[in-house]
Amino acid sequence: MLTRRTVLAALVAVNLMLLTGLLLSVNSLPQAHAQRRGAAGDYVAVTCRADKDYDALYIVDLSTRNLHCFVPNRQRTGQMAYGGMRNLERDFKAK
C-alpha cells in the first residue's frame, strides 16, 4: 500500500509536469494588430463617448486628411447619422 508521503510526492510531480507543459505552450503571447497604415482604403476608425448614452464614430481619411463623425440616429434604430466633417490639414496648419 502507498504511503501518504509517496502519494504527495506523485501529486507534486504531476503538478510540476502540468505547469511545465503550460509554460511551454504559452511561451509568447499573440500580437494584436490594430488598423495598420496603408490598409485598404487608407482609413482609421476611432470611437469615443459623445454623451452618457452613446458613442460617436470618427473616421479619418488619411489620403485627404478629413475627419468624419457619425453618431446614432435619434430614433435609436441602430443606424448612424452623419455628424459632419473637418479638414485636419487646414485645422492644424501653423499660422
Protein backbone atom coordinates (compact mmCIF):
# COMPACT_ATOMS: atom_id res chain seq x y z
CA MET A 1 0.00 0.00 0.00
CA LEU A 2 1.19 3.50 -0.87
CA THR A 3 2.15 5.80 1.93
CA ARG A 4 0.88 9.30 2.31
CA ARG A 5 4.34 10.69 1.52
CA THR A 6 4.53 8.70 -1.78
CA VAL A 7 1.10 9.92 -2.92
CA LEU A 8 2.01 13.51 -2.06
CA ALA A 9 5.28 13.26 -3.99
CA ALA A 10 3.46 11.81 -7.00
CA LEU A 11 0.88 14.62 -6.96
CA VAL A 12 3.63 17.26 -6.73
CA ALA A 13 5.44 15.64 -9.68
CA VAL A 14 2.25 15.59 -11.78
CA ASN A 15 1.58 19.26 -10.96
CA LEU A 16 5.12 20.20 -11.95
CA MET A 17 4.76 18.37 -15.27
CA LEU A 18 1.44 20.13 -15.94
CA LEU A 19 2.97 23.50 -15.09
CA THR A 20 5.93 22.83 -17.39
CA GLY A 21 3.59 21.87 -20.24
CA LEU A 22 1.53 25.01 -19.69
CA LEU A 23 4.59 27.26 -19.69
CA LEU A 24 5.95 25.67 -22.85
CA SER A 25 2.66 26.05 -24.70
CA VAL A 26 2.25 29.74 -23.87
CA ASN A 27 5.81 30.92 -24.27
CA SER A 28 4.77 34.04 -26.20
CA LEU A 29 1.52 35.94 -26.31
CA PRO A 30 -0.08 36.55 -29.71
CA GLN A 31 0.42 40.02 -31.11
CA ALA A 32 -2.57 42.27 -31.58
CA HIS A 33 -2.55 44.35 -34.75
CA ALA A 34 -4.81 47.36 -34.91
CA GLN A 35 -5.53 49.09 -38.16
CA ARG A 36 -2.20 49.40 -39.89
CA ARG A 37 -1.18 52.31 -42.03
CA GLY A 38 -1.56 51.51 -45.70
CA ALA A 39 -4.52 49.21 -45.25
CA ALA A 40 -7.21 49.08 -47.93
CA GLY A 41 -8.96 52.42 -48.14
CA ASP A 42 -6.37 54.23 -46.02
CA TYR A 43 -8.83 54.92 -43.16
CA VAL A 44 -8.56 54.89 -39.38
CA ALA A 45 -11.67 54.42 -37.23
CA VAL A 46 -11.93 55.57 -33.60
CA THR A 47 -14.84 55.58 -31.18
CA CYS A 48 -15.34 57.87 -28.20
CA ARG A 49 -18.04 58.73 -25.71
CA ALA A 50 -20.15 61.56 -27.12
CA ASP A 51 -22.86 61.52 -24.45
CA LYS A 52 -23.69 59.43 -21.41
CA ASP A 53 -25.95 57.25 -23.55
CA TYR A 54 -24.00 56.74 -26.77
CA ASP A 55 -20.62 56.78 -28.50
CA ALA A 56 -19.58 58.57 -31.67
CA LEU A 57 -17.60 57.02 -34.51
CA TYR A 58 -14.81 59.11 -36.02
CA ILE A 59 -13.26 58.06 -39.30
CA VAL A 60 -10.06 59.71 -40.52
CA ASP A 61 -9.41 59.54 -44.25
CA LEU A 62 -5.62 59.57 -44.32
CA SER A 63 -5.37 60.37 -48.03
CA THR A 64 -7.46 63.58 -47.79
CA ARG A 65 -6.83 64.25 -44.08
CA ASN A 66 -10.54 64.62 -43.38
CA LEU A 67 -12.20 63.67 -40.09
CA HIS A 68 -15.77 62.39 -40.45
CA CYS A 69 -18.13 62.00 -37.49
CA PHE A 70 -21.02 59.55 -37.22
CA VAL A 71 -23.49 59.34 -34.32
CA PRO A 72 -26.52 57.10 -33.70
CA ASN A 73 -29.69 58.47 -35.22
CA ARG A 74 -32.30 59.98 -32.91
CA GLN A 75 -34.72 57.05 -33.28
CA ARG A 76 -32.09 54.63 -31.88
CA THR A 77 -32.69 52.10 -34.66
CA GLY A 78 -29.03 51.11 -34.85
CA GLN A 79 -28.33 53.26 -37.89
CA MET A 80 -25.75 56.02 -37.88
CA ALA A 81 -26.29 59.65 -38.87
CA TYR A 82 -23.56 61.77 -40.42
CA GLY A 83 -22.42 64.38 -37.91
CA GLY A 84 -20.08 66.40 -40.09
CA MET A 85 -16.54 66.69 -41.44
CA ARG A 86 -13.38 68.59 -40.53
CA ASN A 87 -10.29 69.09 -42.66
CA LEU A 88 -7.45 68.27 -40.27
CA GLU A 89 -4.76 69.72 -42.51
CA ARG A 90 -6.48 73.10 -42.52
CA ASP A 91 -7.36 72.95 -38.80
CA PHE A 92 -3.79 72.19 -37.66
CA LYS A 93 -1.94 74.32 -40.18
CA ALA A 94 0.65 76.54 -38.49
CA LYS A 95 -0.09 80.24 -38.74
